[in-house]
N, C-alpha and C. Protein backbone atom coordinates (compact mmCIF):
# COMPACT_ATOMS: atom_id res chain seq x y z
N MET A 1 -33.54 -86.40 -12.73
CA MET A 1 -33.89 -87.32 -12.07
C MET A 1 -33.04 -88.40 -11.92
N PRO A 2 -32.81 -89.22 -10.98
CA PRO A 2 -31.48 -90.02 -10.79
C PRO A 2 -31.87 -91.36 -11.69
N ASP A 3 -30.49 -91.83 -12.13
CA ASP A 3 -30.81 -93.07 -12.86
C ASP A 3 -30.83 -94.25 -11.86
N PRO A 4 -32.19 -95.01 -12.20
CA PRO A 4 -32.43 -95.99 -11.25
C PRO A 4 -31.52 -97.24 -10.95
N THR A 5 -30.52 -97.49 -12.12
CA THR A 5 -29.67 -98.48 -11.99
C THR A 5 -28.62 -98.02 -10.93
N THR A 6 -28.27 -96.82 -10.85
CA THR A 6 -27.22 -96.37 -9.87
C THR A 6 -27.68 -96.67 -8.41
N PHE A 7 -28.99 -96.35 -8.13
CA PHE A 7 -29.56 -96.81 -6.75
C PHE A 7 -29.64 -98.17 -6.52
N SER A 8 -29.96 -99.16 -7.45
CA SER A 8 -29.85 -100.42 -6.99
C SER A 8 -28.36 -100.92 -6.87
N THR A 9 -27.33 -100.44 -7.71
CA THR A 9 -26.03 -100.69 -7.30
C THR A 9 -25.62 -100.17 -6.03
N VAL A 10 -25.93 -99.10 -5.56
CA VAL A 10 -25.72 -98.69 -4.18
C VAL A 10 -26.39 -99.59 -2.97
N LEU A 11 -27.62 -100.04 -3.50
CA LEU A 11 -28.22 -100.97 -2.44
C LEU A 11 -27.43 -102.53 -2.38
N ALA A 12 -27.07 -102.89 -3.57
CA ALA A 12 -26.56 -104.23 -3.64
C ALA A 12 -24.92 -103.95 -2.88
N SER A 13 -24.19 -102.92 -3.02
CA SER A 13 -22.99 -102.76 -2.49
C SER A 13 -23.22 -102.47 -1.01
N LYS A 14 -24.27 -102.00 -0.37
CA LYS A 14 -24.51 -101.96 0.93
C LYS A 14 -24.90 -103.36 1.41
N ASP A 15 -25.43 -104.11 0.88
CA ASP A 15 -25.75 -105.62 1.55
C ASP A 15 -24.53 -106.35 1.23
N ALA A 16 -23.52 -106.08 0.36
CA ALA A 16 -22.35 -106.83 0.10
C ALA A 16 -21.47 -106.43 1.42
N VAL A 17 -21.38 -105.10 1.66
CA VAL A 17 -20.51 -104.80 2.75
C VAL A 17 -21.15 -105.36 4.31
N THR A 18 -22.20 -105.33 4.45
CA THR A 18 -22.95 -106.13 5.54
C THR A 18 -22.63 -107.41 5.74
N GLY A 19 -22.66 -108.30 4.64
CA GLY A 19 -22.38 -109.71 4.41
C GLY A 19 -21.05 -109.94 4.93
N SER A 20 -20.16 -109.16 4.10
CA SER A 20 -18.84 -109.42 4.31
C SER A 20 -18.28 -109.14 5.61
N LEU A 21 -19.03 -108.22 6.54
CA LEU A 21 -18.78 -107.81 7.78
C LEU A 21 -18.82 -108.85 8.95
N GLY A 22 -20.03 -109.67 8.67
CA GLY A 22 -20.20 -110.93 9.27
C GLY A 22 -19.25 -111.89 9.24
N ALA A 23 -18.72 -112.23 7.92
CA ALA A 23 -17.69 -112.97 7.64
C ALA A 23 -16.48 -112.55 8.46
N VAL A 24 -16.01 -111.40 8.33
CA VAL A 24 -15.01 -110.81 9.05
C VAL A 24 -15.01 -111.19 10.55
N ALA A 25 -16.28 -110.99 11.13
CA ALA A 25 -16.45 -111.21 12.55
C ALA A 25 -16.15 -112.58 12.81
N TYR A 26 -16.61 -113.35 12.05
CA TYR A 26 -16.55 -115.02 12.27
C TYR A 26 -14.92 -115.45 12.19
N GLY A 27 -14.11 -114.65 11.32
CA GLY A 27 -12.88 -114.99 10.95
C GLY A 27 -12.29 -114.48 12.35
N LEU A 28 -12.40 -113.49 12.89
CA LEU A 28 -11.77 -112.97 13.97
C LEU A 28 -12.15 -113.79 15.16
N ALA A 29 -13.45 -114.22 15.27
CA ALA A 29 -13.94 -114.86 16.40
C ALA A 29 -13.29 -116.46 16.48
N ALA A 30 -12.71 -116.79 15.30
CA ALA A 30 -12.25 -118.19 15.13
C ALA A 30 -10.75 -118.24 15.39
N ILE A 31 -10.22 -116.99 15.45
CA ILE A 31 -8.73 -116.97 15.79
C ILE A 31 -8.29 -117.47 17.11
N GLY A 32 -9.34 -116.83 18.26
CA GLY A 32 -9.00 -117.19 19.58
C GLY A 32 -8.95 -118.90 20.01
N PRO A 33 -10.24 -119.27 19.63
CA PRO A 33 -10.25 -120.62 20.07
C PRO A 33 -9.37 -121.53 18.92
N GLY A 34 -8.93 -121.24 17.96
CA GLY A 34 -7.87 -121.77 17.05
C GLY A 34 -6.55 -121.94 17.78
N ILE A 35 -6.26 -120.65 18.61
CA ILE A 35 -4.97 -120.82 19.03
C ILE A 35 -5.24 -121.53 20.47
N GLY A 36 -6.20 -121.37 21.06
CA GLY A 36 -6.64 -122.09 22.52
C GLY A 36 -6.38 -123.16 22.42
N ILE A 37 -7.17 -123.88 21.14
CA ILE A 37 -7.18 -125.66 20.98
C ILE A 37 -5.58 -125.88 20.70
N GLY A 38 -4.82 -125.31 20.07
CA GLY A 38 -3.63 -125.63 19.76
C GLY A 38 -2.75 -125.50 21.03
N LEU A 39 -3.03 -124.67 21.88
CA LEU A 39 -2.27 -124.43 23.17
C LEU A 39 -2.63 -125.88 24.20
N ILE A 40 -4.07 -126.00 24.13
CA ILE A 40 -4.23 -127.04 24.95
C ILE A 40 -3.77 -128.51 24.55
N PHE A 41 -3.82 -128.70 23.41
CA PHE A 41 -3.31 -129.98 23.20
C PHE A 41 -1.72 -130.07 23.08
N GLY A 42 -1.12 -129.02 22.77
CA GLY A 42 0.20 -128.82 22.74
C GLY A 42 0.83 -129.10 24.29
N LEU A 43 0.39 -128.28 25.05
CA LEU A 43 0.73 -128.35 26.56
C LEU A 43 0.21 -129.70 27.22
N GLY A 44 -0.85 -130.03 26.77
CA GLY A 44 -1.24 -131.53 27.41
C GLY A 44 -0.31 -132.60 26.86
N VAL A 45 0.04 -132.71 25.69
CA VAL A 45 0.97 -133.70 25.37
C VAL A 45 2.23 -133.54 26.07
N GLN A 46 2.84 -132.28 26.11
CA GLN A 46 3.84 -132.08 26.99
C GLN A 46 3.67 -132.47 28.45
N ALA A 47 2.61 -132.16 29.11
CA ALA A 47 2.34 -132.78 30.42
C ALA A 47 2.40 -134.26 30.61
N ILE A 48 1.64 -134.95 29.63
CA ILE A 48 1.65 -136.47 29.75
C ILE A 48 3.33 -137.08 29.46
N ALA A 49 4.16 -136.33 28.59
CA ALA A 49 5.37 -136.76 28.37
C ALA A 49 6.19 -136.58 29.61
N ARG A 50 5.94 -135.67 30.41
CA ARG A 50 6.87 -135.21 31.69
C ARG A 50 6.20 -136.22 32.68
N GLN A 51 4.82 -136.36 32.86
CA GLN A 51 4.32 -137.31 33.73
C GLN A 51 3.36 -138.26 33.14
N PRO A 52 3.90 -139.40 32.73
CA PRO A 52 3.04 -140.36 32.18
C PRO A 52 1.84 -141.05 33.01
N GLU A 53 2.15 -141.05 34.38
CA GLU A 53 1.16 -141.73 34.99
C GLU A 53 -0.03 -141.09 35.42
N ALA A 54 0.02 -139.70 35.09
CA ALA A 54 -1.02 -138.81 35.25
C ALA A 54 -1.73 -138.72 33.73
N GLU A 55 -1.61 -139.64 32.93
CA GLU A 55 -2.33 -139.36 31.44
C GLU A 55 -3.86 -139.29 31.55
N GLN A 56 -4.39 -140.11 32.39
CA GLN A 56 -5.98 -140.08 32.64
C GLN A 56 -6.45 -138.77 32.83
N VAL A 57 -5.78 -138.16 33.90
CA VAL A 57 -6.26 -136.78 34.35
C VAL A 57 -5.94 -135.83 33.43
N ALA A 58 -4.70 -135.75 32.90
CA ALA A 58 -4.38 -134.72 31.77
C ALA A 58 -5.26 -134.89 30.70
N PHE A 59 -5.69 -135.93 30.22
CA PHE A 59 -6.44 -136.25 28.90
C PHE A 59 -7.86 -135.76 29.13
N ARG A 60 -8.39 -135.88 30.47
CA ARG A 60 -9.58 -135.67 30.79
C ARG A 60 -9.95 -133.99 30.86
N TYR A 61 -8.85 -133.36 31.36
CA TYR A 61 -8.91 -131.84 31.29
C TYR A 61 -8.55 -131.24 30.08
N MET A 62 -7.95 -132.02 29.10
CA MET A 62 -7.64 -131.60 27.75
C MET A 62 -8.94 -131.66 27.01
N LEU A 63 -9.79 -132.66 27.22
CA LEU A 63 -10.93 -132.84 26.50
C LEU A 63 -12.05 -131.61 26.98
N ILE A 64 -11.95 -131.26 28.32
CA ILE A 64 -12.79 -130.35 28.75
C ILE A 64 -12.45 -129.04 28.17
N GLY A 65 -11.18 -128.87 28.28
CA GLY A 65 -10.61 -127.36 27.63
C GLY A 65 -10.93 -127.23 26.27
N PHE A 66 -10.97 -128.41 25.43
CA PHE A 66 -11.20 -128.62 23.89
C PHE A 66 -12.58 -128.20 23.68
N ALA A 67 -13.54 -128.81 24.69
CA ALA A 67 -15.07 -128.62 24.39
C ALA A 67 -15.42 -126.91 24.76
N LEU A 68 -14.69 -126.37 25.69
CA LEU A 68 -15.11 -125.08 26.03
C LEU A 68 -14.37 -124.04 24.93
N ALA A 69 -13.24 -124.49 24.43
CA ALA A 69 -12.82 -123.80 23.36
C ALA A 69 -13.72 -123.90 22.00
N GLU A 70 -14.05 -125.02 21.78
CA GLU A 70 -15.01 -125.04 20.68
C GLU A 70 -16.09 -124.40 20.85
N ALA A 71 -16.81 -124.43 22.07
CA ALA A 71 -18.19 -123.75 22.10
C ALA A 71 -17.99 -122.32 21.96
N LEU A 72 -16.93 -121.63 22.30
CA LEU A 72 -16.53 -120.20 22.07
C LEU A 72 -16.48 -119.98 20.32
N ALA A 73 -15.84 -120.97 19.49
CA ALA A 73 -15.83 -120.73 18.22
C ALA A 73 -17.51 -121.04 17.68
N LEU A 74 -18.03 -121.83 18.15
CA LEU A 74 -19.63 -121.99 17.79
C LEU A 74 -20.13 -120.78 17.97
N ILE A 75 -20.25 -120.25 19.04
CA ILE A 75 -20.88 -118.97 19.52
C ILE A 75 -20.39 -117.78 18.52
N GLY A 76 -19.15 -117.74 18.27
CA GLY A 76 -18.76 -116.76 17.41
C GLY A 76 -19.12 -117.05 15.90
N PHE A 77 -19.45 -118.08 15.43
CA PHE A 77 -20.07 -118.48 14.34
C PHE A 77 -21.61 -117.92 14.11
N VAL A 78 -22.39 -118.18 15.44
CA VAL A 78 -23.58 -117.93 15.47
C VAL A 78 -24.23 -116.46 15.48
N VAL A 79 -23.40 -115.91 16.24
CA VAL A 79 -23.69 -114.44 16.60
C VAL A 79 -23.81 -113.57 15.46
N PRO A 80 -22.91 -113.62 14.15
CA PRO A 80 -23.21 -112.80 13.19
C PRO A 80 -24.57 -112.93 12.62
N PHE A 81 -25.10 -114.12 12.61
CA PHE A 81 -26.34 -114.54 11.95
C PHE A 81 -27.42 -114.12 12.85
N VAL A 82 -27.44 -114.16 14.13
CA VAL A 82 -28.39 -113.71 15.12
C VAL A 82 -28.45 -112.23 15.13
N PHE A 83 -27.58 -111.42 15.10
CA PHE A 83 -27.49 -109.87 15.10
C PHE A 83 -27.18 -109.43 13.92
N PRO A 84 -28.03 -109.25 12.97
CA PRO A 84 -27.46 -108.74 11.57
C PRO A 84 -27.12 -107.42 11.64
């Protein structure tokens, strides 16, 4: 007859692997938007430095790009919880 403590240890380790898999998925999902936000603001500041009279337009597009990239990060955060 198998030892009951061994069976519970196996179940606990299976849950631990599933939980850490969701954390890894979110970590990978956060890399892309993080790089994107850095590029958006870095290139936006460079564009404003090159053409200061277009600051309003460049800043508007920077905010739109930031909102879209942040939305992708939030989707990447929610998906591991919705699809376990």
